[in-house]
Amino acid sequence: MDRHGEDLARGAGTLFLASAGTQVGPGHFGLLPDDGVEKFSCHYEGDLEKRGRSFLEIRPLLWTADGWPVAGENVREGICQIRSQRTGTILQAPSNANNGTPVQTARYLILDNQKWTMTPVGGGLYKITGVASGNVLEAAGAATVLAPFAGADNQLWKLDQLSDGSYRIASKLNQLALTATIKISPGNGVALQPFSGDEAQRWIVTAP
């Protein structure tokens, strides 16, 4: 049966994943449990931007409220805002940020210090660079600070899309998750904590 209870043998069906842009012919679903989240693999017949060569893609697997699987999205390279699902505020670097300055959250005012460049580095990991400063997010104990990029594990971040479409942002170094501290202390601080699934640890990554 499809999502609406119609018989597939009678021509029904619910689309899970289709060709998009230059990427054509997805198929061969494979389920991949990964650190508390579900992902799936699929093979595309070809990418027209890469001379039609076939390729493998790994994407998040999401679920609707009525239990139907949905293909999630990996974060794409480019400039974005990172918004707390708990508070609605935006991750920002303080305007006078220097090396080692902790990041915080604030109301979105379309400022460059509230914009971040996401750069995939492979294996589901990303470098997250402040547009205003050119420095990157770095895990420093339980804090998140800005620093020049050196390629260290504490400057790389794993982004996993969760079932509600938000993202968990966790340090490669210690697997601690970016957390809005609204439930821990007053103010607009950000901390790194073990992931519990709380809304304070869920982030919306979107175009600024």
Protein backbone atom coordinates (compact mmCIF):
# COMPACT_ATOMS: atom_id res chain seq x y z
CA MET A 1 0.00 0.00 0.00
CA ASP A 2 1.10 3.59 -0.55
CA ARG A 3 0.87 6.42 1.99
CA HIS A 4 -2.85 6.86 1.24
CA GLY A 5 -3.68 3.15 1.59
CA GLU A 6 -3.89 2.52 -2.15
CA ASP A 7 -2.71 -0.79 -3.59
CA LEU A 8 0.65 -0.57 -5.43
CA ALA A 9 -0.39 -3.47 -7.68
CA ARG A 10 -3.20 -1.26 -9.00
CA GLY A 11 -0.91 1.57 -10.02
CA ALA A 12 -0.70 3.50 -6.75
CA GLY A 13 2.54 4.74 -5.18
CA THR A 14 4.12 7.45 -3.06
CA LEU A 15 7.30 9.11 -4.27
CA PHE A 16 10.23 8.89 -1.85
CA LEU A 17 13.06 10.39 -3.91
CA ALA A 18 13.19 11.80 -7.44
CA SER A 19 15.73 13.19 -9.88
CA ALA A 20 16.55 16.82 -9.12
CA GLY A 21 18.64 19.36 -10.98
CA THR A 22 21.52 17.61 -12.69
CA GLN A 23 21.27 14.47 -10.53
CA VAL A 24 19.15 11.78 -12.18
CA GLY A 25 17.97 8.25 -11.50
CA PRO A 26 18.16 7.65 -7.72
CA GLY A 27 17.64 4.08 -6.52
CA HIS A 28 18.98 1.19 -4.39
CA PHE A 29 17.88 2.32 -0.91
CA GLY A 30 20.10 1.25 2.00
CA LEU A 31 19.31 1.91 5.70
CA LEU A 32 22.23 3.28 7.75
CA PRO A 33 21.76 3.80 11.52
CA ASP A 34 24.34 6.39 12.60
CA ASP A 35 24.92 7.61 16.16
CA GLY A 36 21.28 7.80 17.18
CA VAL A 37 19.91 9.04 13.86
CA GLU A 38 18.85 7.23 10.70
CA LYS A 39 20.39 7.82 7.28
CA PHE A 40 20.05 6.12 3.94
CA SER A 41 22.27 5.52 0.96
CA CYS A 42 21.21 5.65 -2.67
CA HIS A 43 22.94 5.44 -6.03
CA TYR A 44 22.21 7.96 -8.77
CA GLU A 45 22.43 6.88 -12.38
CA GLY A 46 24.39 10.01 -13.12
CA ASP A 47 25.20 13.67 -12.50
CA LEU A 48 25.05 15.73 -15.67
CA GLU A 49 27.53 18.21 -14.19
CA LYS A 50 30.05 15.38 -13.83
CA ARG A 51 29.87 13.92 -17.34
CA GLY A 52 26.97 11.69 -16.38
CA ARG A 53 28.96 9.58 -13.93
CA SER A 54 27.01 7.57 -11.36
CA PHE A 55 27.58 8.36 -7.69
CA LEU A 56 26.63 7.37 -4.16
CA GLU A 57 24.83 9.77 -1.81
CA ILE A 58 24.12 9.43 1.92
CA ARG A 59 21.22 11.50 3.27
CA PRO A 60 19.16 11.80 6.47
CA LEU A 61 16.06 9.62 6.79
CA LEU A 62 13.10 11.46 8.34
CA TRP A 63 9.60 10.32 9.28
CA THR A 64 6.22 12.03 9.03
CA ALA A 65 3.82 12.16 11.99
CA ASP A 66 1.88 9.27 10.46
CA GLY A 67 5.01 7.12 10.14
CA TRP A 68 5.93 7.57 6.48
CA PRO A 69 9.63 7.84 5.46
CA VAL A 70 10.87 11.11 3.95
CA ALA A 71 14.24 11.89 2.35
CA GLY A 72 16.02 14.53 4.44
CA GLU A 73 18.62 17.04 3.30
CA ASN A 74 22.31 17.38 4.02
CA VAL A 75 23.48 20.92 4.69
CA ARG A 76 24.76 22.43 1.45
CA GLU A 77 27.90 24.49 1.10
CA GLY A 78 27.26 28.22 1.39
CA ILE A 79 26.23 31.04 3.72
CA CYS A 80 23.48 30.37 6.24
CA GLN A 81 21.99 31.39 9.56
CA ILE A 82 21.86 28.96 12.50
CA ARG A 83 18.66 29.44 14.53
CA SER A 84 17.86 27.87 17.88
CA GLN A 85 14.63 25.86 17.73
CA ARG A 86 14.19 26.48 21.48
CA THR A 87 14.58 30.27 21.54
CA GLY A 88 14.20 31.42 17.92
CA THR A 89 17.42 33.40 18.27
CA ILE A 90 20.40 33.26 15.90
CA LEU A 91 23.91 32.01 16.59
CA GLN A 92 26.23 34.99 16.35
CA ALA A 93 29.79 36.07 16.98
CA PRO A 94 30.03 39.17 19.20
CA SER A 95 30.72 42.25 17.08
CA ASN A 96 34.09 42.78 18.83
CA ALA A 97 35.07 39.11 18.46
CA ASN A 98 38.72 38.14 18.86
CA ASN A 99 40.36 34.73 18.94
CA GLY A 100 38.85 32.72 21.78
CA THR A 101 35.69 34.85 22.01
CA PRO A 102 32.64 32.72 22.97
CA VAL A 103 29.71 32.75 20.56
CA GLN A 104 26.19 33.60 21.71
CA THR A 105 22.64 33.93 20.37
CA ALA A 106 20.66 37.08 19.61
CA ARG A 107 17.75 38.48 17.61
CA TYR A 108 18.40 38.29 13.87
CA LEU A 109 19.35 41.69 12.44
CA ILE A 110 20.82 40.61 9.06
CA LEU A 111 24.36 41.34 10.29
CA ASP A 112 27.44 39.58 8.96
CA ASN A 113 28.39 38.40 12.45
CA GLN A 114 25.12 36.39 12.40
CA LYS A 115 25.99 34.60 9.17
CA TRP A 116 28.09 31.46 8.79
CA THR A 117 29.70 29.72 5.84
CA MET A 118 29.20 25.96 5.85
CA THR A 119 32.02 24.04 4.14
CA PRO A 120 31.77 20.22 3.86
CA VAL A 121 35.09 18.49 4.54
CA GLY A 122 33.91 14.89 4.07
CA GLY A 123 32.45 12.18 6.26
CA GLY A 124 29.46 14.32 7.23
CA LEU A 125 31.77 16.89 8.83
CA TYR A 126 31.78 20.64 8.28
CA LYS A 127 33.93 23.68 8.88
CA ILE A 128 31.69 26.53 10.16
CA THR A 129 33.22 29.94 9.43
CA GLY A 130 31.98 33.31 10.65
CA VAL A 131 31.33 35.60 7.66
CA ALA A 132 32.38 38.74 9.56
CA SER A 133 35.59 37.47 11.17
CA GLY A 134 36.79 34.65 8.92
CA ASN A 135 37.39 32.57 12.05
CA VAL A 136 35.75 29.20 12.65
CA LEU A 137 33.69 27.64 15.41
CA GLU A 138 35.91 25.73 17.81
CA ALA A 139 35.04 23.46 20.73
CA ALA A 140 36.91 24.63 23.83
CA GLY A 141 35.90 22.40 26.72
CA ALA A 142 32.22 23.08 27.36
CA ALA A 143 32.35 26.38 25.42
CA THR A 144 32.21 27.26 21.73
CA VAL A 145 34.62 29.98 20.62
CA LEU A 146 36.04 31.55 17.47
CA ALA A 147 39.56 30.80 16.27
CA PRO A 148 41.64 30.72 13.06
CA PHE A 149 41.19 27.45 11.18
CA ALA A 150 43.94 24.89 11.75
CA GLY A 151 42.11 21.72 10.72
CA ALA A 152 41.99 20.29 14.24
CA ASP A 153 39.21 17.92 15.34
CA ASN A 154 37.79 20.56 17.70
CA GLN A 155 37.16 22.80 14.66
CA LEU A 156 35.12 20.21 12.75
CA TRP A 157 31.41 19.66 13.30
CA LYS A 158 29.04 16.79 12.52
CA LEU A 159 25.62 17.95 11.34
CA ASP A 160 22.83 15.39 11.57
CA GLN A 161 19.29 16.19 10.49
CA LEU A 162 16.77 14.95 13.06
CA SER A 163 13.28 13.58 12.46
CA ASP A 164 11.63 17.03 12.80
CA GLY A 165 13.95 18.60 10.20
CA SER A 166 16.19 20.41 12.68
CA TYR A 167 19.90 19.64 13.04
CA ARG A 168 22.13 18.39 15.80
CA ILE A 169 25.50 20.18 15.63
CA ALA A 170 28.16 18.20 17.49
CA SER A 171 31.92 18.55 17.84
CA LYS A 172 34.02 15.86 16.17
CA LEU A 173 36.40 16.05 19.14
CA ASN A 174 34.08 15.15 21.99
CA GLN A 175 30.66 14.52 20.36
CA LEU A 176 29.13 17.22 22.59
CA ALA A 177 26.22 19.09 21.01
CA LEU A 178 25.77 22.83 20.55
CA THR A 179 23.22 23.92 23.17
CA ALA A 180 21.36 27.19 23.79
CA THR A 181 21.79 27.71 27.54
CA ILE A 182 18.33 29.18 28.19
CA LYS A 183 17.48 26.26 30.52
CA ILE A 184 20.88 26.28 32.23
CA SER A 185 21.46 29.97 32.96
CA PRO A 186 19.81 33.25 31.97
CA GLY A 187 21.10 35.22 29.00
CA ASN A 188 22.06 34.24 25.49
CA GLY A 189 24.99 31.90 25.99
CA VAL A 190 25.87 28.73 24.09
CA ALA A 191 27.41 25.60 25.60
CA LEU A 192 28.49 22.11 24.55
CA GLN A 193 26.66 19.26 26.29
CA PRO A 194 25.83 15.59 25.76
CA PHE A 195 22.92 15.34 23.34
CA SER A 196 19.59 14.63 25.04
CA GLY A 197 17.24 15.60 22.22
CA ASP A 198 16.03 18.75 23.98
CA GLU A 199 14.88 21.66 21.78
CA ALA A 200 17.79 23.72 23.14
CA GLN A 201 20.07 21.35 21.18
CA ARG A 202 18.11 21.50 17.92
CA TRP A 203 19.06 24.10 15.30
CA ILE A 204 17.48 25.28 12.06
CA VAL A 205 20.09 25.79 9.34
CA THR A 206 18.67 27.97 6.59
CA ALA A 207 19.49 30.75 4.14
CA PRO A 208 20.06 34.12 5.87
